[in-house]
PDB file of all heavy atoms in Angstrom:
ATOM      1  N   MET A   1     166.493  39.300  76.378  1.00  0.00           N
ATOM      2  CA  MET A   1     167.383  39.286  75.216  1.00  0.00           C
ATOM      3  C   MET A   1     166.654  39.809  73.981  1.00  0.00           C
ATOM      4  O   MET A   1     165.477  39.504  73.764  1.00  0.00           O
ATOM      5  CB  MET A   1     167.889  37.867  74.932  1.00  0.00           C
ATOM      6  CG  MET A   1     168.781  37.279  76.009  1.00  0.00           C
ATOM      7  SD  MET A   1     170.334  38.152  76.265  1.00  0.00           S
ATOM      8  CE  MET A   1     171.175  37.860  74.713  1.00  0.00           C
ATOM      9  N   ASN A   2     167.376  40.594  73.204  1.00  0.00           N
ATOM     10  CA  ASN A   2     166.906  41.096  71.916  1.00  0.00           C
ATOM     11  C   ASN A   2     167.954  40.674  70.891  1.00  0.00           C
ATOM     12  O   ASN A   2     169.030  41.258  70.807  1.00  0.00           O
ATOM     13  CB  ASN A   2     166.772  42.620  71.977  1.00  0.00           C
ATOM     14  CG  ASN A   2     166.274  43.225  70.674  1.00  0.00           C
ATOM     15  OD1 ASN A   2     166.173  42.537  69.660  1.00  0.00           O
ATOM     16  ND2 ASN A   2     165.980  44.506  70.684  1.00  0.00           N
ATOM     17  N   CYS A   3     167.661  39.632  70.133  1.00  0.00           N
ATOM     18  CA  CYS A   3     168.682  39.080  69.231  1.00  0.00           C
ATOM     19  C   CYS A   3     168.008  38.314  68.097  1.00  0.00           C
ATOM     20  O   CYS A   3     166.784  38.296  67.986  1.00  0.00           O
ATOM     21  CB  CYS A   3     169.628  38.158  70.017  1.00  0.00           C
ATOM     22  SG  CYS A   3     168.786  36.767  70.821  1.00  0.00           S
ATOM     23  N   GLY A   4     168.817  37.698  67.255  1.00  0.00           N
ATOM     24  CA  GLY A   4     168.289  36.875  66.177  1.00  0.00           C
ATOM     25  C   GLY A   4     167.846  37.642  64.947  1.00  0.00           C
ATOM     26  O   GLY A   4     167.162  37.101  64.084  1.00  0.00           O
ATOM     27  N   TRP A   5     168.269  38.924  64.839  1.00  0.00           N
ATOM     28  CA  TRP A   5     167.814  39.723  63.693  1.00  0.00           C
ATOM     29  C   TRP A   5     168.489  39.305  62.396  1.00  0.00           C
ATOM     30  O   TRP A   5     168.054  39.676  61.305  1.00  0.00           O
ATOM     31  CB  TRP A   5     168.051  41.216  63.963  1.00  0.00           C
ATOM     32  CG  TRP A   5     167.132  41.756  65.007  1.00  0.00           C
ATOM     33  CD1 TRP A   5     167.410  41.945  66.332  1.00  0.00           C
ATOM     34  CD2 TRP A   5     165.766  42.132  64.831  1.00  0.00           C
ATOM     35  NE1 TRP A   5     166.294  42.427  66.985  1.00  0.00           N
ATOM     36  CE2 TRP A   5     165.275  42.551  66.080  1.00  0.00           C
ATOM     37  CE3 TRP A   5     164.900  42.162  63.735  1.00  0.00           C
ATOM     38  CZ2 TRP A   5     163.963  42.990  66.268  1.00  0.00           C
ATOM     39  CZ3 TRP A   5     163.598  42.598  63.916  1.00  0.00           C
ATOM     40  CH2 TRP A   5     163.142  43.001  65.169  1.00  0.00           C
ATOM     41  N   GLY A   6     169.563  38.551  62.492  1.00  0.00           N
ATOM     42  CA  GLY A   6     170.215  38.053  61.290  1.00  0.00           C
ATOM     43  C   GLY A   6     170.641  39.184  60.361  1.00  0.00           C
ATOM     44  O   GLY A   6     171.271  40.141  60.784  1.00  0.00           O
ATOM     45  N   THR A   7     170.249  39.093  59.098  1.00  0.00           N
ATOM     46  CA  THR A   7     170.634  40.122  58.126  1.00  0.00           C
ATOM     47  C   THR A   7     169.616  41.256  58.073  1.00  0.00           C
ATOM     48  O   THR A   7     169.730  42.149  57.242  1.00  0.00           O
ATOM     49  CB  THR A   7     170.770  39.506  56.721  1.00  0.00           C
ATOM     50  OG1 THR A   7     169.474  39.081  56.286  1.00  0.00           O
ATOM     51  CG2 THR A   7     171.703  38.315  56.729  1.00  0.00           C
ATOM     52  N   GLY A   8     168.607  41.238  58.934  1.00  0.00           N
ATOM     53  CA  GLY A   8     167.543  42.240  58.852  1.00  0.00           C
ATOM     54  C   GLY A   8     167.559  43.237  59.993  1.00  0.00           C
ATOM     55  O   GLY A   8     166.524  43.791  60.350  1.00  0.00           O
ATOM     56  N   GLY A   9     168.729  43.490  60.580  1.00  0.00           N
ATOM     57  CA  GLY A   9     168.790  44.277  61.809  1.00  0.00           C
ATOM     58  C   GLY A   9     168.629  45.769  61.639  1.00  0.00           C
ATOM     59  O   GLY A   9     167.886  46.405  62.382  1.00  0.00           O
ATOM     60  N   PHE A  10     169.303  46.369  60.673  1.00  0.00           N
ATOM     61  CA  PHE A  10     169.300  47.830  60.572  1.00  0.00           C
ATOM     62  C   PHE A  10     167.901  48.375  60.327  1.00  0.00           C
ATOM     63  O   PHE A  10     167.481  49.347  60.949  1.00  0.00           O
ATOM     64  CB  PHE A  10     170.250  48.301  59.469  1.00  0.00           C
ATOM     65  CG  PHE A  10     170.234  49.797  59.284  1.00  0.00           C
ATOM     66  CD1 PHE A  10     170.891  50.619  60.181  1.00  0.00           C
ATOM     67  CD2 PHE A  10     169.543  50.383  58.233  1.00  0.00           C
ATOM     68  CE1 PHE A  10     170.864  52.001  60.041  1.00  0.00           C
ATOM     69  CE2 PHE A  10     169.511  51.756  58.081  1.00  0.00           C
ATOM     70  CZ  PHE A  10     170.177  52.571  58.985  1.00  0.00           C
ATOM     71  N   LYS A  11     167.180  47.746  59.418  1.00  0.00           N
ATOM     72  CA  LYS A  11     165.841  48.242  59.071  1.00  0.00           C
ATOM     73  C   LYS A  11     164.896  48.186  60.264  1.00  0.00           C
ATOM     74  O   LYS A  11     163.876  48.875  60.283  1.00  0.00           O
ATOM     75  CB  LYS A  11     165.271  47.441  57.903  1.00  0.00           C
ATOM     76  CG  LYS A  11     165.055  45.967  58.178  1.00  0.00           C
ATOM     77  CD  LYS A  11     164.508  45.223  56.964  1.00  0.00           C
ATOM     78  CE  LYS A  11     165.510  45.016  55.877  1.00  0.00           C
ATOM     79  NZ  LYS A  11     166.588  44.072  56.212  1.00  0.00           N
ATOM     80  N   ALA A  12     165.240  47.378  61.279  1.00  0.00           N
ATOM     81  CA  ALA A  12     164.334  47.176  62.415  1.00  0.00           C
ATOM     82  C   ALA A  12     164.687  48.017  63.628  1.00  0.00           C
ATOM     83  O   ALA A  12     163.995  47.934  64.640  1.00  0.00           O
ATOM     84  CB  ALA A  12     164.360  45.696  62.810  1.00  0.00           C
ATOM     85  N   ILE A  13     165.734  48.830  63.569  1.00  0.00           N
ATOM     86  CA  ILE A  13     166.259  49.481  64.781  1.00  0.00           C
ATOM     87  C   ILE A  13     165.181  50.231  65.582  1.00  0.00           C
ATOM     88  O   ILE A  13     164.999  49.950  66.771  1.00  0.00           O
ATOM     89  CB  ILE A  13     167.458  50.385  64.436  1.00  0.00           C
ATOM     90  CG1 ILE A  13     168.705  49.530  64.181  1.00  0.00           C
ATOM     91  CG2 ILE A  13     167.740  51.384  65.552  1.00  0.00           C
ATOM     92  CD1 ILE A  13     169.917  50.306  63.690  1.00  0.00           C
ATOM     93  N   PRO A  14     164.436  51.187  65.006  1.00  0.00           N
ATOM     94  CA  PRO A  14     163.457  51.902  65.839  1.00  0.00           C
ATOM     95  C   PRO A  14     162.344  51.000  66.372  1.00  0.00           C
ATOM     96  O   PRO A  14     161.963  51.095  67.549  1.00  0.00           O
ATOM     97  CB  PRO A  14     162.900  52.973  64.896  1.00  0.00           C
ATOM     98  CG  PRO A  14     163.884  53.078  63.780  1.00  0.00           C
ATOM     99  CD  PRO A  14     164.463  51.713  63.636  1.00  0.00           C
ATOM    100  N   GLY A  15     161.817  50.108  65.531  1.00  0.00           N
ATOM    101  CA  GLY A  15     160.742  49.210  65.960  1.00  0.00           C
ATOM    102  C   GLY A  15     161.205  48.236  67.020  1.00  0.00           C
ATOM    103  O   GLY A  15     160.484  47.942  67.987  1.00  0.00           O
ATOM    104  N   SER A  16     162.415  47.708  66.850  1.00  0.00           N
ATOM    105  CA  SER A  16     163.002  46.803  67.839  1.00  0.00           C
ATOM    106  C   SER A  16     163.178  47.505  69.172  1.00  0.00           C
ATOM    107  O   SER A  16     162.834  46.966  70.237  1.00  0.00           O
ATOM    108  CB  SER A  16     164.354  46.297  67.318  1.00  0.00           C
ATOM    109  OG  SER A  16     165.145  45.779  68.355  1.00  0.00           O
ATOM    110  N   GLY A  17     163.729  48.725  69.147  1.00  0.00           N
ATOM    111  CA  GLY A  17     163.922  49.481  70.379  1.00  0.00           C
ATOM    112  C   GLY A  17     162.602  49.793  71.062  1.00  0.00           C
ATOM    113  O   GLY A  17     162.482  49.687  72.294  1.00  0.00           O
ATOM    114  N   TRP A  18     161.596  50.161  70.263  1.00  0.00           N
ATOM    115  CA  TRP A  18     160.265  50.479  70.785  1.00  0.00           C
ATOM    116  C   TRP A  18     159.668  49.254  71.509  1.00  0.00           C
ATOM    117  O   TRP A  18     159.189  49.357  72.645  1.00  0.00           O
ATOM    118  CB  TRP A  18     159.364  50.894  69.621  1.00  0.00           C
ATOM    119  CG  TRP A  18     157.970  51.319  69.974  1.00  0.00           C
ATOM    120  CD1 TRP A  18     156.931  50.503  70.334  1.00  0.00           C
ATOM    121  CD2 TRP A  18     157.450  52.660  69.992  1.00  0.00           C
ATOM    122  NE1 TRP A  18     155.804  51.244  70.565  1.00  0.00           N
ATOM    123  CE2 TRP A  18     156.087  52.568  70.371  1.00  0.00           C
ATOM    124  CE3 TRP A  18     157.992  53.903  69.710  1.00  0.00           C
ATOM    125  CZ2 TRP A  18     155.273  53.695  70.472  1.00  0.00           C
ATOM    126  CZ3 TRP A  18     157.175  55.028  69.818  1.00  0.00           C
ATOM    127  CH2 TRP A  18     155.844  54.923  70.186  1.00  0.00           C
ATOM    128  N   ALA A  19     159.723  48.090  70.847  1.00  0.00           N
ATOM    129  CA  ALA A  19     159.120  46.873  71.406  1.00  0.00           C
ATOM    130  C   ALA A  19     159.913  46.343  72.603  1.00  0.00           C
ATOM    131  O   ALA A  19     159.334  45.898  73.597  1.00  0.00           O
ATOM    132  CB  ALA A  19     159.029  45.804  70.315  1.00  0.00           C
ATOM    133  N   PHE A  20     161.243  46.391  72.513  1.00  0.00           N
ATOM    134  CA  PHE A  20     162.074  45.847  73.596  1.00  0.00           C
ATOM    135  C   PHE A  20     162.031  46.757  74.825  1.00  0.00           C
ATOM    136  O   PHE A  20     162.094  46.269  75.961  1.00  0.00           O
ATOM    137  CB  PHE A  20     163.512  45.654  73.112  1.00  0.00           C
ATOM    138  CG  PHE A  20     164.332  44.755  73.998  1.00  0.00           C
ATOM    139  CD1 PHE A  20     163.852  43.513  74.388  1.00  0.00           C
ATOM    140  CD2 PHE A  20     165.592  45.142  74.437  1.00  0.00           C
ATOM    141  CE1 PHE A  20     164.618  42.668  75.199  1.00  0.00           C
ATOM    142  CE2 PHE A  20     166.351  44.315  75.245  1.00  0.00           C
ATOM    143  CZ  PHE A  20     165.860  43.071  75.636  1.00  0.00           C
ATOM    144  N   ALA A  21     161.910  48.064  74.605  1.00  0.00           N
ATOM    145  CA  ALA A  21     161.774  48.985  75.740  1.00  0.00           C
ATOM    146  C   ALA A  21     160.507  48.665  76.527  1.00  0.00           C
ATOM    147  O   ALA A  21     160.508  48.676  77.773  1.00  0.00           O
ATOM    148  CB  ALA A  21     161.742  50.429  75.242  1.00  0.00           C
ATOM    149  N   GLU A  22     159.425  48.364  75.826  1.00  0.00           N
ATOM    150  CA  GLU A  22     158.177  47.998  76.498  1.00  0.00           C
ATOM    151  C   GLU A  22     158.350  46.706  77.296  1.00  0.00           C
ATOM    152  O   GLU A  22     157.863  46.581  78.425  1.00  0.00           O
ATOM    153  CB  GLU A  22     157.059  47.841  75.460  1.00  0.00           C
ATOM    154  CG  GLU A  22     155.706  47.543  76.076  1.00  0.00           C
ATOM    155  CD  GLU A  22     154.583  47.436  75.042  1.00  0.00           C
ATOM    156  OE1 GLU A  22     154.894  47.379  73.828  1.00  0.00           O
ATOM    157  OE2 GLU A  22     153.409  47.405  75.448  1.00  0.00           O
ATOM    158  N   THR A  23     159.072  45.744  76.713  1.00  0.00           N
ATOM    159  CA  THR A  23     159.322  44.481  77.408  1.00  0.00           C
ATOM    160  C   THR A  23     160.122  44.705  78.683  1.00  0.00           C
ATOM    161  O   THR A  23     159.806  44.152  79.744  1.00  0.00           O
ATOM    162  CB  THR A  23     160.072  43.507  76.473  1.00  0.00           C
ATOM    163  OG1 THR A  23     159.315  43.334  75.270  1.00  0.00           O
ATOM    164  CG2 THR A  23     160.275  42.156  77.131  1.00  0.00           C
ATOM    165  N   LEU A  24     161.165  45.526  78.603  1.00  0.00           N
ATOM    166  CA  LEU A  24     161.992  45.810  79.776  1.00  0.00           C
ATOM    167  C   LEU A  24     161.212  46.590  80.834  1.00  0.00           C
ATOM    168  O   LEU A  24     161.318  46.313  82.036  1.00  0.00           O
ATOM    169  CB  LEU A  24     163.233  46.605  79.368  1.00  0.00           C
ATOM    170  CG  LEU A  24     164.380  45.826  78.724  1.00  0.00           C
ATOM    171  CD1 LEU A  24     165.407  46.779  78.128  1.00  0.00           C
ATOM    172  CD2 LEU A  24     165.066  44.926  79.742  1.00  0.00           C
ATOM    173  N   ALA A  25     160.444  47.574  80.401  1.00  0.00           N
ATOM    174  CA  ALA A  25     159.725  48.435  81.348  1.00  0.00           C
ATOM    175  C   ALA A  25     158.642  47.665  82.099  1.00  0.00           C
ATOM    176  O   ALA A  25     158.479  47.827  83.315  1.00  0.00           O
ATOM    177  CB  ALA A  25     159.117  49.623  80.608  1.00  0.00           C
ATOM    178  N   LYS A  26     157.893  46.818  81.389  1.00  0.00           N
ATOM    179  CA  LYS A  26     156.752  46.121  81.987  1.00  0.00           C
ATOM    180  C   LYS A  26     157.087  44.725  82.488  1.00  0.00           C
ATOM    181  O   LYS A  26     156.296  44.117  83.228  1.00  0.00           O
ATOM    182  CB  LYS A  26     155.604  46.034  80.968  1.00  0.00           C
ATOM    183  CG  LYS A  26     155.065  47.398  80.543  1.00  0.00           C
ATOM    184  CD  LYS A  26     153.929  47.247  79.537  1.00  0.00           C
ATOM    185  CE  LYS A  26     153.343  48.595  79.140  1.00  0.00           C
ATOM    186  NZ  LYS A  26     152.264  48.449  78.124  1.00  0.00           N
ATOM    187  N   GLY A  27     158.244  44.188  82.057  1.00  0.00           N
ATOM    188  CA  GLY A  27     158.597  42.827  82.456  1.00  0.00           C
ATOM    189  C   GLY A  27     157.905  41.761  81.637  1.00  0.00           C
ATOM    190  O   GLY A  27     158.136  40.570  81.825  1.00  0.00           O
ATOM    191  N   GLU A  28     157.054  42.172  80.728  1.00  0.00           N
ATOM    192  CA  GLU A  28     156.335  41.266  79.837  1.00  0.00           C
ATOM    193  C   GLU A  28     156.324  41.867  78.438  1.00  0.00           C
ATOM    194  O   GLU A  28     156.224  43.084  78.290  1.00  0.00           O
ATOM    195  CB  GLU A  28     154.884  41.066  80.301  1.00  0.00           C
ATOM    196  CG  GLU A  28     154.727  40.342  81.629  1.00  0.00           C
ATOM    197  CD  GLU A  28     155.073  38.862  81.541  1.00  0.00           C
ATOM    198  OE1 GLU A  28     155.017  38.309  80.415  1.00  0.00           O
ATOM    199  OE2 GLU A  28     155.403  38.277  82.582  1.00  0.00           O
ATOM    200  N   PRO A  29     156.415  41.038  77.397  1.00  0.00           N
ATOM    201  CA  PRO A  29     156.395  41.590  76.034  1.00  0.00           C
ATOM    202  C   PRO A  29     155.040  42.182  75.687  1.00  0.00           C
ATOM    203  O   PRO A  29     153.994  41.666  76.098  1.00  0.00           O
ATOM    204  CB  PRO A  29     156.718  40.374  75.157  1.00  0.00           C
ATOM    205  CG  PRO A  29     156.373  39.184  75.991  1.00  0.00           C
ATOM    206  CD  PRO A  29     156.593  39.580  77.414  1.00  0.00           C
ATOM    207  N   GLY A  30     155.063  43.275  74.938  1.00  0.00           N
ATOM    208  CA  GLY A  30     153.835  43.897  74.458  1.00  0.00           C
ATOM    209  C   GLY A  30     153.373  43.252  73.168  1.00  0.00           C
ATOM    210  O   GLY A  30     153.866  42.204  72.747  1.00  0.00           O
ATOM    211  N   GLU A  31     152.427  43.902  72.505  1.00  0.00           N
ATOM    212  CA  GLU A  31     151.805  43.327  71.310  1.00  0.00           C
ATOM    213  C   GLU A  31     152.811  43.085  70.182  1.00  0.00           C
ATOM    214  O   GLU A  31     152.762  42.059  69.502  1.00  0.00           O
ATOM    215  CB  GLU A  31     150.691  44.261  70.829  1.00  0.00           C
ATOM    216  CG  GLU A  31     149.863  43.701  69.680  1.00  0.00           C
ATOM    217  CD  GLU A  31     148.764  44.647  69.227  1.00  0.00           C
ATOM    218  OE1 GLU A  31     148.565  45.695  69.882  1.00  0.00           O
ATOM    219  OE2 GLU A  31     148.110  44.348  68.212  1.00  0.00           O
ATOM    220  N   LEU A  32     153.738  44.032  69.990  1.00  0.00           N
ATOM    221  CA  LEU A  32     154.714  43.881  68.909  1.00  0.00           C
ATOM    222  C   LEU A  32     155.695  42.745  69.177  1.00  0.00           C
ATOM    223  O   LEU A  32     156.070  41.996  68.274  1.00  0.00           O
ATOM    224  CB  LEU A  32     155.501  45.181  68.718  1.00  0.00           C
ATOM    225  CG  LEU A  32     154.942  46.259  67.797  1.00  0.00           C
ATOM    226  CD1 LEU A  32     155.880  47.446  67.753  1.00  0.00           C
ATOM    227  CD2 LEU A  32     154.682  45.728  66.395  1.00  0.00           C
ATOM    228  N   ALA A  33     156.151  42.630  70.444  1.00  0.00           N
ATOM    229  CA  ALA A  33     157.215  41.683  70.782  1.00  0.00           C
ATOM    230  C   ALA A  33     156.699  40.296  71.123  1.00  0.00           C
ATOM    231  O   ALA A  33     157.450  39.309  71.017  1.00  0.00           O
ATOM    232  CB  ALA A  33     158.042  42.219  71.951  1.00  0.00           C
ATOM    233  N   ALA A  34     155.441  40.174  71.534  1.00  0.00           N
ATOM    234  CA  ALA A  34     154.922  38.904  72.057  1.00  0.00           C
ATOM    235  C   ALA A  34     155.153  37.694  71.146  1.00  0.00           C
ATOM    236  O   ALA A  34     155.522  36.619  71.628  1.00  0.00           O
ATOM    237  CB  ALA A  34     153.429  39.059  72.386  1.00  0.00           C
ATOM    238  N   PRO A  35     154.965  37.804  69.822  1.00  0.00           N
ATOM    239  CA  PRO A  35     155.167  36.611  68.985  1.00  0.00           C
ATOM    240  C   PRO A  35     156.621  36.150  68.908  1.00  0.00           C
ATOM    241  O   PRO A  35     156.882  35.025  68.461  1.00  0.00           O
ATOM    242  CB  PRO A  35     154.677  37.074  67.600  1.00  0.00           C
ATOM    243  CG  PRO A  35     153.863  38.298  67.848  1.00  0.00           C
ATOM    244  CD  PRO A  35     154.468  38.946  69.040  1.00  0.00           C
ATOM    245  N   PHE A  36     157.576  37.003  69.351  1.00  0.00           N
ATOM    246  CA  PHE A  36     158.989  36.714  69.123  1.00  0.00           C
ATOM    247  C   PHE A  36     159.693  36.111  70.343  1.00  0.00           C
ATOM    248  O   PHE A  36     160.910  36.180  70.451  1.00  0.00           O
ATOM    249  CB  PHE A  36     159.707  37.991  68.675  1.00  0.00           C
ATOM    250  CG  PHE A  36     159.221  38.523  67.351  1.00  0.00           C
ATOM    251  CD1 PHE A  36     158.363  39.608  67.290  1.00  0.00           C
ATOM    252  CD2 PHE A  36     159.604  37.920  66.166  1.00  0.00           C
ATOM    253  CE1 PHE A  36     157.902  40.095  66.081  1.00  0.00           C
ATOM    254  CE2 PHE A  36     159.156  38.392  64.941  1.00  0.00           C
ATOM    255  CZ  PHE A  36     158.296  39.480  64.897  1.00  0.00           C
ATOM    256  N   GLY A  37     158.943  35.521  71.269  1.00  0.00           N
ATOM    257  CA  GLY A  37     159.562  34.848  72.405  1.00  0.00           C
ATOM    258  C   GLY A  37     160.296  33.595  71.966  1.00  0.00           C
ATOM    259  O   GLY A  37     159.916  32.948  70.981  1.00  0.00           O
ATOM    260  N   MET A  38     161.358  33.233  72.706  1.00  0.00           N
ATOM    261  CA  MET A  38     162.132  32.072  72.265  1.00  0.00           C
ATOM    262  C   MET A  38     161.407  30.755  72.564  1.00  0.00           C
ATOM    263  O   MET A  38     161.799  29.706  72.053  1.00  0.00           O
ATOM    264  CB  MET A  38     163.530  32.070  72.883  1.00  0.00           C
ATOM    265  CG  MET A  38     163.619  31.871  74.365  1.00  0.00           C
ATOM    266  SD  MET A  38     165.375  31.829  74.828  1.00  0.00           S
ATOM    267  CE  MET A  38     165.245  31.715  76.607  1.00  0.00           C
ATOM    268  N   GLU A  39     160.322  30.800  73.340  1.00  0.00           N
ATOM    269  CA  GLU A  39     159.553  29.579  73.604  1.00  0.00           C
ATOM    270  C   GLU A  39     158.873  29.068  72.337  1.00  0.00           C
ATOM    271  O   GLU A  39     158.411  27.926  72.279  1.00  0.00           O
ATOM    272  CB  GLU A  39     158.521  29.829  74.703  1.00  0.00           C
ATOM    273  CG  GLU A  39     157.355  30.725  74.336  1.00  0.00           C
ATOM    274  CD  GLU A  39     157.674  32.212  74.393  1.00  0.00           C
ATOM    275  OE1 GLU A  39     158.799  32.580  74.822  1.00  0.00           O
ATOM    276  OE2 GLU A  39     156.812  33.032  74.010  1.00  0.00           O
ATOM    277  N   ARG A  40     158.806  29.897  71.293  1.00  0.00           N
ATOM    278  CA  ARG A  40     158.151  29.454  70.058  1.00  0.00           C
ATOM    279  C   ARG A  40     158.878  28.270  69.432  1.00  0.00           C
ATOM    280  O   ARG A  40     158.268  27.479  68.694  1.00  0.00           O
ATOM    281  CB  ARG A  40     158.050  30.604  69.055  1.00  0.00           C
ATOM    282  CG  ARG A  40     159.347  31.037  68.385  1.00  0.00           C
ATOM    283  CD  ARG A  40     159.065  32.174  67.398  1.00  0.00           C
ATOM    284  NE  ARG A  40     160.212  32.532  66.583  1.00  0.00           N
ATOM    285  CZ  ARG A  40     161.116  33.460  66.895  1.00  0.00           C
ATOM    286  NH1 ARG A  40     160.980  34.129  68.033  1.00  0.00           N
ATOM    287  NH2 ARG A  40     162.126  33.726  66.085  1.00  0.00           N
ATOM    288  N   PHE A  41     160.174  28.132  69.709  1.00  0.00           N
ATOM    289  CA  PHE A  41     160.919  27.009  69.134  1.00  0.00           C
ATOM    290  C   PHE A  41     160.581  25.702  69.841  1.00  0.00           C
ATOM    291  O   PHE A  41     160.734  24.629  69.258  1.00  0.00           O
ATOM    292  CB  PHE A  41     162.424  27.294  69.209  1.00  0.00           C
ATOM    293  CG  PHE A  41     162.842  28.457  68.347  1.00  0.00           C
ATOM    294  CD1 PHE A  41     163.150  29.679  68.917  1.00  0.00           C
ATOM    295  CD2 PHE A  41     162.895  28.339  66.975  1.00  0.00           C
ATOM    296  CE1 PHE A  41     163.520  30.759  68.125  1.00  0.00           C
ATOM    297  CE2 PHE A  41     163.259  29.409  66.173  1.00  0.00           C
ATOM    298  CZ  PHE A  41     163.567  30.627  66.747  1.00  0.00           C
ATOM    299  N   ILE A  42     160.126  25.776  71.082  1.00  0.00           N
ATOM    300  CA  ILE A  42     159.660  24.581  71.791  1.00  0.00           C
ATOM    301  C   ILE A  42     158.244  24.241  71.348  1.00  0.00           C
ATOM    302  O   ILE A  42     157.894  23.082  71.146  1.00  0.00           O
ATOM    303  CB  ILE A  42     159.692  24.816  73.327  1.00  0.00           C
ATOM    304  CG1 ILE A  42     161.119  25.104  73.792  1.00  0.00           C
ATOM    305  CG2 ILE A  42     159.119  23.607  74.078  1.00  0.00           C
ATOM    306  CD1 ILE A  42     161.219  25.567  75.230  1.00  0.00           C
ATOM    307  N   GLU A  43     157.438  25.279  71.148  1.00  0.00           N
ATOM    308  CA  GLU A  43     156.020  25.091  70.812  1.00  0.00           C
ATOM    309  C   GLU A  43     155.787  24.816  69.328  1.00  0.00           C
ATOM    310  O   GLU A  43     154.680  24.459  68.927  1.00  0.00           O
ATOM    311  CB  GLU A  43     155.229  26.341  71.233  1.00  0.00           C
ATOM    312  CG  GLU A  43     155.301  26.621  72.733  1.00  0.00           C
ATOM    313  CD  GLU A  43     154.762  28.003  73.080  1.00  0.00           C
ATOM    314  OE1 GLU A  43     154.384  28.751  72.150  1.00  0.00           O
ATOM    315  OE2 GLU A  43     154.734  28.334  74.282  1.00  0.00           O
ATOM    316  N   GLY A  44     156.829  25.017  68.486  1.00  0.00           N
ATOM    317  CA  GLY A  44     156.644  24.846  67.047  1.00  0.00           C
ATOM    318  C   GLY A  44     155.863  25.971  66.414  1.00  0.00           C
ATOM    319  O   GLY A  44     155.258  25.812  65.348  1.00  0.00           O
ATOM    320  N   ARG A  45     155.871  27.149  67.044  1.00  0.00           N
ATOM    321  CA  ARG A  45     155.103  28.311  66.573  1.00  0.00           C
ATOM    322  C   ARG A  45     156.048  29.250  65.817  1.00  0.00           C
ATOM    323  O   ARG A  45     156.327  30.353  66.226  1.00  0.00           O
ATOM    324  CB  ARG A  45     154.472  29.000  67.795  1.00  0.00           C
ATOM    325  CG  ARG A  45     153.593  30.178  67.493  1.00  0.00           C
ATOM    326  CD  ARG A  45     152.914  30.712  68.741  1.00  0.00           C
ATOM    327  NE  ARG A  45     153.783  30.798  69.893  1.00  0.00           N
ATOM    328  CZ  ARG A  45     154.659  31.782  70.117  1.00  0.00           C
ATOM    329  NH1 ARG A  45     154.788  32.760  69.244  1.00  0.00           N
ATOM    330  NH2 ARG A  45     155.397  31.796  71.213  1.00  0.00           N
TER     331      ARG A  45
END
């Protein structure tokens, strides 16, 4: 899932696509996407 951009979505389009494409291709988030996993809400991160 790629979501939660709230009111900041348009400015992020190329960077979001770049990071999410890497996540889809490799099955694991890359450096840009790694901090934005939804497990952060369980971990308090």
